[in-house]
Amino acid sequence: MRAKVCGLNSVSQMMQLDEIGVDFAGFIFYPKSPRYVLNTISKVDLKKAKGSNINKVGVFVNENPDQLLSLVDDCGLYLAQLHGDETPRYCEKIADYISVIKAFRLRDDDDVLWKIKDYQDIVDMFLFDTAGTEYGGTGKRFNWEILTALNINKPFFLSGGIGPADIEALKTFSSTPVAKDLFAVDVNSMFEITPGIKDMTKVKPFIQELTKI
C-alpha cells in the first residue's frame, strides 16, 4: 500500500522518507497552519529537492488559483491537494494544469457519494479526512464504515488521525469493497515530534508494515 506523509517542514526529512519508500510528501501552503511550509523552506530549496521515488504534493486551502499555479511552478510540485471549499469549476481550472486531489472532510452521517458527485469527472483523486471546526487535519479518525460498502470509482487517499497502532485496522479496511479504489494512506500528526517534524522511529516501521498490505 502506498503512503503519503503530510505536513513536512524539512527537505532532509523528505529525503529520509524517500529512502524508506514513502511515495508522496505533503507540504502545506496554508498560512494559518502551524506546518506552513514557506515559514521553514524557501521556494527555491523546495523546487531543488528531488528524491528517487517520492513526489511533492502541495496542500492548499481556498488559495487564489493564479497564486496556486505560480507556487506549483516555483516549488516544483507534482500534485495539488485542495483541502478547502473549492468548487468544481475552481478544481477544473487547476486540473487543466496539474493533477488534483480533492479533499473531503467527513462526518459520520455524510452521504459521501453525494458530496463527491460533482467532482467525479473533474479531479484525479479524492482524499477522505475527518471533519473538524478548522481546515486541515484533526488528528482523529472518522468512522471508516461510512466508506466500506461504497463504489468510489476513483483513486482515493485515506486520511485522518492514522497512527502507528492502525496497521491492523488498515489490513481490515483493505479487504472491504471500497478498497479497490484505495490509492494511498495519508499520515501526519500522529507521527510528529513537533508540528512539521516527523519522528522517523515511528514512521519507518509503520511504512515497512504498510507496504506489506
N, C-alpha and C. Protein backbone atom coordinates (compact mmCIF):
# COMPACT_ATOMS: atom_id res chain seq x y z
N MET A 1 0.85 -1.20 0.00
CA MET A 1 0.00 0.00 0.00
C MET A 1 0.89 1.25 0.00
N ARG A 2 0.52 2.23 -0.80
CA ARG A 2 1.30 3.46 -0.90
C ARG A 2 1.09 4.34 0.34
N ALA A 3 2.05 5.26 0.56
CA ALA A 3 1.95 6.15 1.70
C ALA A 3 2.26 7.59 1.30
N LYS A 4 1.54 8.50 1.95
CA LYS A 4 1.83 9.93 1.86
C LYS A 4 2.06 10.44 3.27
N VAL A 5 3.18 11.10 3.49
CA VAL A 5 3.45 11.74 4.77
C VAL A 5 3.29 13.23 4.55
N CYS A 6 2.37 13.83 5.28
CA CYS A 6 1.99 15.21 5.04
C CYS A 6 2.50 16.13 6.14
N GLY A 7 2.51 17.44 5.82
CA GLY A 7 2.88 18.45 6.80
C GLY A 7 4.36 18.54 7.07
N LEU A 8 5.18 18.30 6.05
CA LEU A 8 6.63 18.34 6.23
C LEU A 8 7.15 19.78 6.26
N ASN A 9 8.16 20.00 7.09
CA ASN A 9 8.84 21.30 7.17
C ASN A 9 10.34 21.16 6.98
N SER A 10 10.77 20.05 6.38
CA SER A 10 12.21 19.77 6.29
C SER A 10 12.51 19.01 5.00
N VAL A 11 13.42 19.56 4.20
CA VAL A 11 13.87 18.86 2.99
C VAL A 11 14.62 17.59 3.35
N SER A 12 15.43 17.65 4.41
CA SER A 12 16.20 16.46 4.79
C SER A 12 15.27 15.33 5.21
N GLN A 13 14.16 15.66 5.87
CA GLN A 13 13.21 14.60 6.23
C GLN A 13 12.52 14.05 4.99
N MET A 14 12.26 14.90 4.00
CA MET A 14 11.70 14.39 2.76
C MET A 14 12.63 13.36 2.13
N MET A 15 13.92 13.62 2.17
CA MET A 15 14.88 12.69 1.59
C MET A 15 14.94 11.39 2.40
N GLN A 16 14.80 11.49 3.71
CA GLN A 16 14.73 10.27 4.53
C GLN A 16 13.50 9.44 4.18
N LEU A 17 12.38 10.12 3.98
CA LEU A 17 11.15 9.42 3.61
C LEU A 17 11.31 8.73 2.26
N ASP A 18 11.98 9.38 1.35
CA ASP A 18 12.24 8.78 0.05
C ASP A 18 13.03 7.48 0.21
N GLU A 19 14.01 7.49 1.08
CA GLU A 19 14.87 6.32 1.29
C GLU A 19 14.10 5.14 1.88
N ILE A 20 13.06 5.41 2.67
CA ILE A 20 12.33 4.30 3.30
C ILE A 20 11.09 3.89 2.50
N GLY A 21 10.90 4.51 1.32
CA GLY A 21 9.85 4.03 0.43
C GLY A 21 8.53 4.77 0.47
N VAL A 22 8.52 5.98 1.02
CA VAL A 22 7.30 6.79 1.01
C VAL A 22 7.10 7.36 -0.40
N ASP A 23 5.88 7.32 -0.88
CA ASP A 23 5.60 7.71 -2.27
C ASP A 23 5.31 9.20 -2.43
N PHE A 24 4.70 9.82 -1.41
CA PHE A 24 4.28 11.21 -1.52
C PHE A 24 4.64 11.99 -0.26
N ALA A 25 5.17 13.20 -0.46
CA ALA A 25 5.47 14.11 0.63
C ALA A 25 4.57 15.32 0.52
N GLY A 26 3.83 15.61 1.57
CA GLY A 26 2.89 16.72 1.54
C GLY A 26 3.45 17.97 2.20
N PHE A 27 3.33 19.08 1.51
CA PHE A 27 3.79 20.38 2.01
C PHE A 27 2.60 21.32 2.05
N ILE A 28 2.36 21.93 3.21
CA ILE A 28 1.15 22.72 3.42
C ILE A 28 1.41 24.18 3.10
N PHE A 29 0.61 24.72 2.16
CA PHE A 29 0.74 26.10 1.72
C PHE A 29 -0.43 26.95 2.23
N TYR A 30 -0.86 26.65 3.42
CA TYR A 30 -1.95 27.39 4.06
C TYR A 30 -1.34 28.20 5.20
N PRO A 31 -1.25 29.53 5.05
CA PRO A 31 -0.51 30.35 6.03
C PRO A 31 -0.98 30.21 7.47
N LYS A 32 -2.24 29.83 7.69
CA LYS A 32 -2.73 29.70 9.07
C LYS A 32 -2.33 28.37 9.72
N SER A 33 -1.75 27.48 8.95
CA SER A 33 -1.35 26.18 9.50
C SER A 33 -0.03 26.30 10.27
N PRO A 34 0.10 25.58 11.40
CA PRO A 34 1.39 25.56 12.10
C PRO A 34 2.47 24.85 11.29
N ARG A 35 2.07 24.17 10.20
CA ARG A 35 3.02 23.47 9.34
C ARG A 35 3.21 24.20 8.00
N TYR A 36 2.90 25.47 7.97
CA TYR A 36 3.04 26.26 6.74
C TYR A 36 4.48 26.17 6.24
N VAL A 37 4.64 25.60 5.06
CA VAL A 37 5.97 25.21 4.61
C VAL A 37 6.88 26.40 4.33
N LEU A 38 6.33 27.51 3.86
CA LEU A 38 7.19 28.62 3.49
C LEU A 38 7.74 29.38 4.70
N ASN A 39 7.32 28.98 5.89
CA ASN A 39 7.96 29.51 7.10
C ASN A 39 9.34 28.90 7.32
N THR A 40 9.58 27.74 6.73
CA THR A 40 10.81 27.00 7.03
C THR A 40 11.62 26.60 5.80
N ILE A 41 10.98 26.53 4.64
CA ILE A 41 11.69 26.13 3.42
C ILE A 41 11.41 27.17 2.34
N SER A 42 12.44 27.64 1.67
CA SER A 42 12.23 28.60 0.59
C SER A 42 11.69 27.90 -0.65
N LYS A 43 11.06 28.66 -1.52
CA LYS A 43 10.55 28.10 -2.77
C LYS A 43 11.68 27.49 -3.59
N VAL A 44 12.80 28.17 -3.62
CA VAL A 44 13.95 27.68 -4.39
C VAL A 44 14.44 26.34 -3.87
N ASP A 45 14.58 26.24 -2.54
CA ASP A 45 15.06 24.98 -1.96
C ASP A 45 14.05 23.86 -2.14
N LEU A 46 12.77 24.20 -2.06
CA LEU A 46 11.75 23.17 -2.24
C LEU A 46 11.74 22.67 -3.69
N LYS A 47 11.93 23.58 -4.62
CA LYS A 47 11.95 23.18 -6.04
C LYS A 47 13.15 22.28 -6.32
N LYS A 48 14.28 22.58 -5.70
CA LYS A 48 15.51 21.80 -5.94
C LYS A 48 15.44 20.41 -5.30
N ALA A 49 14.59 20.26 -4.28
CA ALA A 49 14.52 18.99 -3.54
C ALA A 49 13.90 17.90 -4.41
N LYS A 50 14.67 16.87 -4.68
CA LYS A 50 14.19 15.77 -5.51
C LYS A 50 14.66 14.45 -4.93
N GLY A 51 13.72 13.52 -4.79
CA GLY A 51 14.08 12.17 -4.37
C GLY A 51 14.00 11.22 -5.54
N SER A 52 14.38 9.98 -5.31
CA SER A 52 14.34 8.98 -6.38
C SER A 52 12.92 8.59 -6.74
N ASN A 53 12.06 8.48 -5.72
CA ASN A 53 10.71 7.97 -5.95
C ASN A 53 9.60 8.83 -5.36
N ILE A 54 9.96 9.73 -4.46
CA ILE A 54 8.95 10.49 -3.74
C ILE A 54 8.46 11.67 -4.58
N ASN A 55 7.17 11.98 -4.46
CA ASN A 55 6.55 13.06 -5.22
C ASN A 55 6.03 14.14 -4.27
N LYS A 56 6.28 15.39 -4.63
CA LYS A 56 5.89 16.51 -3.78
C LYS A 56 4.44 16.92 -4.05
N VAL A 57 3.67 17.00 -2.97
CA VAL A 57 2.25 17.38 -3.04
C VAL A 57 2.08 18.71 -2.31
N GLY A 58 1.50 19.69 -2.98
CA GLY A 58 1.18 20.95 -2.32
C GLY A 58 -0.24 20.92 -1.80
N VAL A 59 -0.41 21.25 -0.52
CA VAL A 59 -1.74 21.25 0.11
C VAL A 59 -2.20 22.71 0.23
N PHE A 60 -3.36 23.01 -0.36
CA PHE A 60 -3.87 24.37 -0.43
C PHE A 60 -5.28 24.44 0.13
N VAL A 61 -5.61 25.61 0.68
CA VAL A 61 -6.96 25.85 1.22
C VAL A 61 -7.50 27.15 0.64
N ASN A 62 -8.43 27.04 -0.29
CA ASN A 62 -9.10 28.20 -0.87
C ASN A 62 -8.10 29.25 -1.39
N GLU A 63 -7.04 28.77 -1.97
CA GLU A 63 -5.99 29.66 -2.48
C GLU A 63 -6.45 30.34 -3.77
N ASN A 64 -6.00 31.57 -3.98
CA ASN A 64 -6.21 32.22 -5.27
C ASN A 64 -5.63 31.32 -6.36
N PRO A 65 -6.42 30.97 -7.39
CA PRO A 65 -5.94 29.98 -8.36
C PRO A 65 -4.66 30.38 -9.08
N ASP A 66 -4.51 31.66 -9.41
CA ASP A 66 -3.28 32.08 -10.09
C ASP A 66 -2.07 31.96 -9.16
N GLN A 67 -2.27 32.29 -7.89
CA GLN A 67 -1.19 32.14 -6.92
C GLN A 67 -0.84 30.67 -6.73
N LEU A 68 -1.86 29.82 -6.70
CA LEU A 68 -1.62 28.37 -6.57
C LEU A 68 -0.77 27.86 -7.73
N LEU A 69 -1.13 28.23 -8.94
CA LEU A 69 -0.39 27.74 -10.10
C LEU A 69 1.04 28.28 -10.13
N SER A 70 1.24 29.49 -9.63
CA SER A 70 2.59 30.03 -9.51
C SER A 70 3.42 29.22 -8.52
N LEU A 71 2.80 28.84 -7.40
CA LEU A 71 3.50 28.05 -6.40
C LEU A 71 3.83 26.65 -6.93
N VAL A 72 2.95 26.09 -7.73
CA VAL A 72 3.22 24.79 -8.36
C VAL A 72 4.53 24.87 -9.15
N ASP A 73 4.68 25.92 -9.95
CA ASP A 73 5.89 26.09 -10.74
C ASP A 73 7.10 26.42 -9.87
N ASP A 74 6.92 27.37 -8.95
CA ASP A 74 8.04 27.87 -8.16
C ASP A 74 8.61 26.80 -7.22
N CYS A 75 7.75 25.83 -6.82
CA CYS A 75 8.17 24.82 -5.84
C CYS A 75 8.32 23.43 -6.45
N GLY A 76 8.09 23.30 -7.74
CA GLY A 76 8.26 22.01 -8.40
C GLY A 76 7.32 20.94 -7.89
N LEU A 77 6.03 21.27 -7.77
CA LEU A 77 5.06 20.33 -7.19
C LEU A 77 4.54 19.36 -8.25
N TYR A 78 4.22 18.16 -7.79
CA TYR A 78 3.74 17.09 -8.67
C TYR A 78 2.22 16.96 -8.62
N LEU A 79 1.64 17.27 -7.47
CA LEU A 79 0.20 17.19 -7.28
C LEU A 79 -0.26 18.38 -6.45
N ALA A 80 -1.51 18.81 -6.67
CA ALA A 80 -2.13 19.83 -5.83
C ALA A 80 -3.28 19.20 -5.06
N GLN A 81 -3.22 19.29 -3.74
CA GLN A 81 -4.30 18.79 -2.89
C GLN A 81 -5.12 19.99 -2.42
N LEU A 82 -6.40 19.98 -2.74
CA LEU A 82 -7.28 21.10 -2.43
C LEU A 82 -8.12 20.73 -1.22
N HIS A 83 -7.87 21.42 -0.11
CA HIS A 83 -8.41 21.00 1.18
C HIS A 83 -9.43 21.97 1.75
N GLY A 84 -9.92 22.88 0.89
CA GLY A 84 -10.89 23.85 1.39
C GLY A 84 -12.26 23.65 0.79
N ASP A 85 -12.89 24.76 0.41
CA ASP A 85 -14.25 24.72 -0.13
C ASP A 85 -14.25 24.95 -1.64
N GLU A 86 -13.23 24.45 -2.29
CA GLU A 86 -13.07 24.69 -3.73
C GLU A 86 -14.23 24.09 -4.53
N THR A 87 -14.77 24.88 -5.43
CA THR A 87 -15.89 24.44 -6.26
C THR A 87 -15.40 23.54 -7.39
N PRO A 88 -16.31 22.80 -8.02
CA PRO A 88 -15.90 22.02 -9.19
C PRO A 88 -15.26 22.88 -10.27
N ARG A 89 -15.79 24.08 -10.50
CA ARG A 89 -15.21 24.95 -11.54
C ARG A 89 -13.77 25.35 -11.17
N TYR A 90 -13.56 25.68 -9.91
CA TYR A 90 -12.21 26.01 -9.44
C TYR A 90 -11.28 24.81 -9.68
N CYS A 91 -11.73 23.64 -9.27
CA CYS A 91 -10.91 22.43 -9.42
C CYS A 91 -10.58 22.16 -10.89
N GLU A 92 -11.54 22.44 -11.75
CA GLU A 92 -11.32 22.20 -13.18
C GLU A 92 -10.20 23.08 -13.72
N LYS A 93 -10.16 24.32 -13.26
CA LYS A 93 -9.10 25.23 -13.71
C LYS A 93 -7.73 24.71 -13.27
N ILE A 94 -7.64 24.26 -12.05
CA ILE A 94 -6.36 23.75 -11.55
C ILE A 94 -6.00 22.44 -12.24
N ALA A 95 -7.01 21.59 -12.45
CA ALA A 95 -6.77 20.28 -13.05
C ALA A 95 -6.34 20.36 -14.51
N ASP A 96 -6.58 21.50 -15.14
CA ASP A 96 -6.08 21.69 -16.50
C ASP A 96 -4.57 21.85 -16.53
N TYR A 97 -3.98 22.10 -15.35
CA TYR A 97 -2.55 22.40 -15.27
C TYR A 97 -1.75 21.35 -14.52
N ILE A 98 -2.36 20.76 -13.50
CA ILE A 98 -1.67 19.80 -12.64
C ILE A 98 -2.69 18.79 -12.12
N SER A 99 -2.23 17.59 -11.80
CA SER A 99 -3.13 16.59 -11.22
C SER A 99 -3.64 17.07 -9.86
N VAL A 100 -4.92 16.83 -9.61
CA VAL A 100 -5.59 17.38 -8.43
C VAL A 100 -6.14 16.27 -7.54
N ILE A 101 -5.88 16.41 -6.24
CA ILE A 101 -6.53 15.62 -5.20
C ILE A 101 -7.53 16.54 -4.51
N LYS A 102 -8.81 16.19 -4.53
CA LYS A 102 -9.80 16.99 -3.80
C LYS A 102 -10.11 16.31 -2.48
N ALA A 103 -9.89 17.04 -1.39
CA ALA A 103 -10.13 16.51 -0.05
C ALA A 103 -11.56 16.78 0.40
N PHE A 104 -12.13 15.82 1.10
CA PHE A 104 -13.46 15.94 1.69
C PHE A 104 -13.36 15.58 3.16
N ARG A 105 -13.86 16.47 4.00
CA ARG A 105 -13.86 16.25 5.45
C ARG A 105 -15.20 15.64 5.82
N LEU A 106 -15.15 14.43 6.35
CA LEU A 106 -16.36 13.62 6.52
C LEU A 106 -16.83 13.53 7.97
N ARG A 107 -18.16 13.57 8.11
CA ARG A 107 -18.83 13.27 9.38
C ARG A 107 -19.52 11.92 9.25
N ASP A 108 -19.89 11.36 10.39
CA ASP A 108 -20.44 10.00 10.39
C ASP A 108 -21.75 9.88 9.63
N ASP A 109 -22.48 10.98 9.49
CA ASP A 109 -23.78 10.91 8.81
C ASP A 109 -23.73 11.45 7.38
N ASP A 110 -22.53 11.66 6.84
CA ASP A 110 -22.41 12.21 5.50
C ASP A 110 -22.82 11.21 4.42
N ASP A 111 -23.43 11.74 3.38
CA ASP A 111 -23.68 10.97 2.16
C ASP A 111 -22.47 11.20 1.27
N VAL A 112 -21.51 10.31 1.33
CA VAL A 112 -20.23 10.52 0.67
C VAL A 112 -20.39 10.61 -0.85
N LEU A 113 -21.18 9.73 -1.42
CA LEU A 113 -21.33 9.74 -2.88
C LEU A 113 -21.97 11.04 -3.37
N TRP A 114 -22.87 11.60 -2.58
CA TRP A 114 -23.46 12.89 -2.93
C TRP A 114 -22.42 14.00 -2.86
N LYS A 115 -21.56 13.96 -1.86
CA LYS A 115 -20.54 15.01 -1.69
C LYS A 115 -19.55 15.04 -2.85
N ILE A 116 -19.22 13.86 -3.37
CA ILE A 116 -18.17 13.80 -4.38
C ILE A 116 -18.69 13.86 -5.81
N LYS A 117 -19.99 13.75 -6.00
CA LYS A 117 -20.53 13.50 -7.35
C LYS A 117 -20.17 14.61 -8.35
N ASP A 118 -20.17 15.87 -7.94
CA ASP A 118 -19.90 16.96 -8.88
C ASP A 118 -18.42 17.09 -9.22
N TYR A 119 -17.59 16.36 -8.51
CA TYR A 119 -16.14 16.40 -8.74
C TYR A 119 -15.64 15.15 -9.48
N GLN A 120 -16.51 14.19 -9.65
CA GLN A 120 -16.11 12.86 -10.12
C GLN A 120 -15.37 12.91 -11.46
N ASP A 121 -15.84 13.73 -12.36
CA ASP A 121 -15.25 13.78 -13.70
C ASP A 121 -14.23 14.91 -13.87
N ILE A 122 -13.88 15.56 -12.76
CA ILE A 122 -13.01 16.74 -12.84
C ILE A 122 -11.63 16.49 -12.24
N VAL A 123 -11.61 15.97 -11.03
CA VAL A 123 -10.33 15.80 -10.33
C VAL A 123 -9.77 14.41 -10.58
N ASP A 124 -8.50 14.24 -10.23
CA ASP A 124 -7.82 12.96 -10.49
C ASP A 124 -7.99 11.97 -9.35
N MET A 125 -8.03 12.49 -8.12
CA MET A 125 -8.13 11.64 -6.94
C MET A 125 -8.91 12.37 -5.85
N PHE A 126 -9.44 11.59 -4.92
CA PHE A 126 -10.07 12.14 -3.73
C PHE A 126 -9.19 11.85 -2.52
N LEU A 127 -9.45 12.61 -1.45
CA LEU A 127 -8.87 12.32 -0.13
C LEU A 127 -9.98 12.46 0.89
N PHE A 128 -10.11 11.47 1.76
CA PHE A 128 -11.14 11.49 2.79
C PHE A 128 -10.49 11.69 4.14
N ASP A 129 -10.92 12.77 4.82
CA ASP A 129 -10.34 13.18 6.10
C ASP A 129 -11.47 13.36 7.10
N THR A 130 -11.10 13.64 8.33
CA THR A 130 -12.07 13.82 9.41
C THR A 130 -12.54 15.27 9.46
N ALA A 131 -13.83 15.49 9.56
CA ALA A 131 -14.38 16.85 9.67
C ALA A 131 -13.98 17.46 11.01
N GLY A 132 -13.69 18.75 10.98
CA GLY A 132 -13.35 19.48 12.20
C GLY A 132 -13.83 20.91 12.09
N THR A 133 -13.55 21.71 13.10
CA THR A 133 -14.01 23.10 13.11
C THR A 133 -13.13 23.99 12.23
N GLU A 134 -11.90 23.56 11.98
CA GLU A 134 -10.98 24.33 11.15
C GLU A 134 -10.60 23.51 9.92
N TYR A 135 -10.02 24.19 8.93
CA TYR A 135 -9.49 23.48 7.77
C TYR A 135 -8.26 22.69 8.20
N GLY A 136 -8.03 21.57 7.51
CA GLY A 136 -6.87 20.76 7.83
C GLY A 136 -7.23 19.61 8.74
N GLY A 137 -6.19 18.88 9.16
CA GLY A 137 -6.39 17.67 9.92
C GLY A 137 -6.82 17.92 11.36
N THR A 138 -7.42 16.90 11.94
CA THR A 138 -7.88 16.97 13.32
C THR A 138 -7.08 16.06 14.25
N GLY A 139 -6.32 15.14 13.65
CA GLY A 139 -5.63 14.13 14.46
C GLY A 139 -6.55 13.03 14.93
N LYS A 140 -7.78 13.00 14.39
CA LYS A 140 -8.76 11.99 14.80
C LYS A 140 -9.23 11.20 13.58
N ARG A 141 -9.55 9.93 13.81
CA ARG A 141 -10.09 9.10 12.74
C ARG A 141 -11.58 9.32 12.61
N PHE A 142 -12.07 9.33 11.37
CA PHE A 142 -13.52 9.28 11.18
C PHE A 142 -13.94 7.81 11.09
N ASN A 143 -15.22 7.59 11.05
CA ASN A 143 -15.74 6.22 11.02
C ASN A 143 -15.60 5.66 9.60
N TRP A 144 -14.60 4.82 9.39
CA TRP A 144 -14.34 4.28 8.06
C TRP A 144 -15.51 3.45 7.52
N GLU A 145 -16.40 3.02 8.39
CA GLU A 145 -17.52 2.20 7.94
C GLU A 145 -18.45 2.94 6.99
N ILE A 146 -18.42 4.27 7.00
CA ILE A 146 -19.27 5.00 6.05
C ILE A 146 -18.74 4.87 4.62
N LEU A 147 -17.52 4.36 4.47
CA LEU A 147 -16.94 4.16 3.14
C LEU A 147 -16.99 2.72 2.66
N THR A 148 -16.95 1.77 3.58
CA THR A 148 -16.55 0.41 3.23
C THR A 148 -17.39 -0.25 2.14
N ALA A 149 -18.67 0.06 2.04
CA ALA A 149 -19.53 -0.60 1.05
C ALA A 149 -19.69 0.22 -0.23
N LEU A 150 -19.00 1.35 -0.32
CA LEU A 150 -19.23 2.26 -1.45
C LEU A 150 -18.37 1.91 -2.65
N ASN A 151 -18.85 2.35 -3.81
CA ASN A 151 -18.06 2.30 -5.03
C ASN A 151 -17.64 3.73 -5.36
N ILE A 152 -16.45 4.11 -4.92
CA ILE A 152 -15.98 5.47 -5.13
C ILE A 152 -15.67 5.71 -6.60
N ASN A 153 -15.17 4.69 -7.24
CA ASN A 153 -14.91 4.74 -8.69
C ASN A 153 -13.86 5.79 -9.06
N LYS A 154 -12.96 6.06 -8.14
CA LYS A 154 -11.83 6.96 -8.38
C LYS A 154 -10.80 6.70 -7.30
N PRO A 155 -9.51 6.74 -7.62
CA PRO A 155 -8.50 6.51 -6.58
C PRO A 155 -8.64 7.52 -5.45
N PHE A 156 -8.45 7.03 -4.21
CA PHE A 156 -8.55 7.96 -3.08
C PHE A 156 -7.47 7.69 -2.03
N PHE A 157 -7.17 8.76 -1.29
CA PHE A 157 -6.29 8.70 -0.13
C PHE A 157 -7.16 8.58 1.11
N LEU A 158 -6.75 7.74 2.04
CA LEU A 158 -7.43 7.63 3.33
C LEU A 158 -6.61 8.39 4.37
N SER A 159 -7.24 9.35 5.02
CA SER A 159 -6.54 10.23 5.94
C SER A 159 -7.33 10.37 7.23
N GLY A 160 -6.78 11.14 8.16
CA GLY A 160 -7.50 11.46 9.39
C GLY A 160 -7.05 10.68 10.60
N GLY A 161 -6.05 11.18 11.31
CA GLY A 161 -5.66 10.60 12.59
C GLY A 161 -5.10 9.20 12.53
N ILE A 162 -4.58 8.79 11.38
CA ILE A 162 -3.99 7.44 11.28
C ILE A 162 -2.64 7.43 11.95
N GLY A 163 -2.44 6.45 12.85
CA GLY A 163 -1.22 6.40 13.64
C GLY A 163 -0.54 5.05 13.61
N PRO A 164 0.55 4.92 14.36
CA PRO A 164 1.33 3.68 14.35
C PRO A 164 0.55 2.43 14.73
N ALA A 165 -0.50 2.59 15.52
CA ALA A 165 -1.26 1.43 16.00
C ALA A 165 -2.36 1.00 15.05
N ASP A 166 -2.44 1.62 13.88
CA ASP A 166 -3.58 1.37 12.99
C ASP A 166 -3.32 0.38 11.86
N ILE A 167 -2.22 -0.31 11.90
CA ILE A 167 -1.90 -1.27 10.83
C ILE A 167 -2.97 -2.35 10.72
N GLU A 168 -3.40 -2.91 11.83
CA GLU A 168 -4.41 -3.98 11.76
C GLU A 168 -5.73 -3.45 11.22
N ALA A 169 -6.11 -2.25 11.63
CA ALA A 169 -7.34 -1.64 11.11
C ALA A 169 -7.24 -1.39 9.60
N LEU A 170 -6.05 -1.02 9.14
CA LEU A 170 -5.86 -0.80 7.71
C LEU A 170 -5.90 -2.12 6.94
N LYS A 171 -5.40 -3.18 7.55
CA LYS A 171 -5.50 -4.51 6.92
C LYS A 171 -6.97 -4.89 6.75
N THR A 172 -7.75 -4.64 7.78
CA THR A 172 -9.18 -4.96 7.71
C THR A 172 -9.86 -4.11 6.64
N PHE A 173 -9.55 -2.82 6.63
CA PHE A 173 -10.15 -1.90 5.65
C PHE A 173 -9.78 -2.32 4.23
N SER A 174 -8.57 -2.82 4.04
CA SER A 174 -8.11 -3.18 2.70
C SER A 174 -8.86 -4.37 2.11
N SER A 175 -9.62 -5.08 2.96
CA SER A 175 -10.39 -6.23 2.48
C SER A 175 -11.85 -5.87 2.18
N THR A 176 -12.22 -4.60 2.36
CA THR A 176 -13.60 -4.19 2.13
C THR A 176 -13.79 -3.78 0.67
N PRO A 177 -15.04 -3.75 0.17
CA PRO A 177 -15.27 -3.44 -1.25
C PRO A 177 -14.68 -2.11 -1.70
N VAL A 178 -14.74 -1.09 -0.85
CA VAL A 178 -14.27 0.22 -1.27
C VAL A 178 -12.77 0.25 -1.52
N ALA A 179 -12.05 -0.68 -0.93
CA ALA A 179 -10.59 -0.66 -1.01
C ALA A 179 -10.05 -0.92 -2.40
N LYS A 180 -10.90 -1.34 -3.32
CA LYS A 180 -10.43 -1.48 -4.71
C LYS A 180 -9.96 -0.15 -5.27
N ASP A 181 -10.46 0.95 -4.70
CA ASP A 181 -10.06 2.29 -5.15
C ASP A 181 -9.09 2.98 -4.19
N LEU A 182 -8.68 2.30 -3.13
CA LEU A 182 -7.76 2.90 -2.16
C LEU A 182 -6.39 3.06 -2.81
N PHE A 183 -5.96 4.29 -2.96
CA PHE A 183 -4.70 4.59 -3.64
C PHE A 183 -3.53 4.70 -2.67
N ALA A 184 -3.77 5.34 -1.52
CA ALA A 184 -2.68 5.56 -0.56
C ALA A 184 -3.25 5.93 0.80
N VAL A 185 -2.42 5.72 1.81
CA VAL A 185 -2.74 6.14 3.18
C VAL A 185 -1.96 7.42 3.46
N ASP A 186 -2.65 8.39 4.06
CA ASP A 186 -2.07 9.70 4.34
C ASP A 186 -1.90 9.86 5.87
N VAL A 187 -0.69 10.15 6.31
CA VAL A 187 -0.44 10.31 7.74
C VAL A 187 0.23 11.66 8.00
N ASN A 188 0.07 12.13 9.25
CA ASN A 188 0.65 13.42 9.60
C ASN A 188 0.92 13.49 11.10
N SER A 189 -0.04 14.05 11.84
CA SER A 189 0.23 14.49 13.22
C SER A 189 0.57 13.36 14.18
N MET A 190 0.07 12.15 13.92
CA MET A 190 0.33 11.04 14.84
C MET A 190 1.77 10.55 14.78
N PHE A 191 2.54 11.10 13.85
CA PHE A 191 3.94 10.70 13.69
C PHE A 191 4.89 11.87 13.94
N GLU A 192 4.43 12.89 14.65
CA GLU A 192 5.23 14.10 14.81
C GLU A 192 5.89 14.21 16.18
N ILE A 193 7.04 14.87 16.16
CA ILE A 193 7.71 15.31 17.38
C ILE A 193 7.17 16.70 17.74
N THR A 194 7.19 17.58 16.76
CA THR A 194 6.56 18.90 16.83
C THR A 194 5.91 19.14 15.47
N PRO A 195 4.98 20.10 15.34
CA PRO A 195 4.34 20.32 14.04
C PRO A 195 5.35 20.52 12.92
N GLY A 196 5.27 19.64 11.91
CA GLY A 196 6.16 19.73 10.76
C GLY A 196 7.40 18.86 10.84
N ILE A 197 7.70 18.34 12.01
CA ILE A 197 8.89 17.49 12.19
C ILE A 197 8.44 16.09 12.59
N LYS A 198 8.77 15.11 11.75
CA LYS A 198 8.31 13.74 11.97
C LYS A 198 9.29 12.94 12.83
N ASP A 199 8.73 11.98 13.54
CA ASP A 199 9.52 11.04 14.34
C ASP A 199 9.80 9.81 13.47
N MET A 200 10.99 9.76 12.91
CA MET A 200 11.32 8.69 11.97
C MET A 200 11.35 7.31 12.63
N THR A 201 11.51 7.27 13.94
CA THR A 201 11.48 5.97 14.63
C THR A 201 10.07 5.39 14.63
N LYS A 202 9.08 6.24 14.42
CA LYS A 202 7.69 5.78 14.27
C LYS A 202 7.33 5.59 12.80
N VAL A 203 7.80 6.49 11.96
CA VAL A 203 7.43 6.43 10.55
C VAL A 203 7.98 5.18 9.88
N LYS A 204 9.25 4.89 10.09
CA LYS A 204 9.89 3.80 9.34
C LYS A 204 9.22 2.44 9.56
N PRO A 205 9.00 2.00 10.80
CA PRO A 205 8.35 0.69 10.97
C PRO A 205 6.92 0.67 10.45
N PHE A 206 6.22 1.80 10.55
CA PHE A 206 4.85 1.88 10.02
C PHE A 206 4.86 1.68 8.51
N ILE A 207 5.77 2.36 7.83
CA ILE A 207 5.85 2.23 6.37
C ILE A 207 6.23 0.81 5.97
N GLN A 208 7.13 0.21 6.71
CA GLN A 208 7.53 -1.17 6.42
C GLN A 208 6.35 -2.12 6.52
N GLU A 209 5.50 -1.93 7.51
CA GLU A 209 4.32 -2.77 7.66
C GLU A 209 3.25 -2.42 6.62
N LEU A 210 3.11 -1.15 6.32
CA LEU A 210 2.10 -0.72 5.36
C LEU A 210 2.38 -1.29 3.99
N THR A 211 3.63 -1.34 3.60
CA THR A 211 3.96 -1.83 2.26
C THR A 211 3.65 -3.32 2.09
N LYS A 212 3.43 -4.01 3.20
CA LYS A 212 3.09 -5.44 3.13
C LYS A 212 1.59 -5.67 2.88
N ILE A 213 0.80 -4.63 3.06
CA ILE A 213 -0.65 -4.79 2.91
C ILE A 213 -1.03 -4.79 1.42
